[in-house]
Amino acid sequence: MSTLLVIAKEPRPGRVKTRLTPPFTPREAALLAEAALVDTLRTVAATPASRHVLVLEGAPGRWLPPGFDVVPQCAGGLDERLAAAFAGCEGPTLLIGMDTPQVTPELLTVDFADCDAYFGPAEDGGFWALGLASPDPELLRGVPMSTPTTGAVQRDRLTAAGLRVRELPALRDVDTAADAEAVAAVAPGGRFAAELARVRAVNR
């Protein structure tokens, strides 16, 4: 693997995980977002790659581990920002977001020897991972994001380009409180699960 990308927002109250409020406060939602980001970055750091890159909206904080190149997100919609992230890479590249803290190094260790792309569907209809053997920003531009058909449209874009696509397991994004509970149950030993338990205890 040449490059592992994480696209993320700085975990600031009122700017991240707004669908967690309610039942959580904006500060609690930001703490949960930070915990998800910490788990994600730790997993990515533990996965072999030539480069580990954080494509960030905002400023890095103490939650950023060593070994990452930090690149600011460009302006525009999410499709443009994802496209720009791939445009800055050469060779096989896998991109994930900050919403799947249950991800493991095994899931991220991909081999492009017999395929051109990896696609990780999300249970909400989006996608949690996209890998390209030869990064091409045009494969993402114009894909409608944050809809129930985003994943299907993106996958169709890959196959329409003649790419051989290998599918990764479906994962659940953390968007709502129900998502948070389900994901914490899948990865009970992570920072995210611990932060969720702490927040729940405070609110009892």
Foldseek 3Di string as FASTA:
>chain_A
DAEEEEEEEQLDFPPPLVQPPPVDHSVLSSQLLLQLQLLVQVQQVVADHNAYEYAYDDDDDPSHDPRYHYHHFDDDDPLQRVLVVLVVDAFKYKYFYSFQSLDHSVLVHDDPPPWAKEWAAEPQQATGMIIGRGRDSVLRPPQDPDDNPSRVSSVVSCVVVVTGYDYGYYYYGPNYPVSLVVSCVSVVPGSSVVSVVVSVVVVD
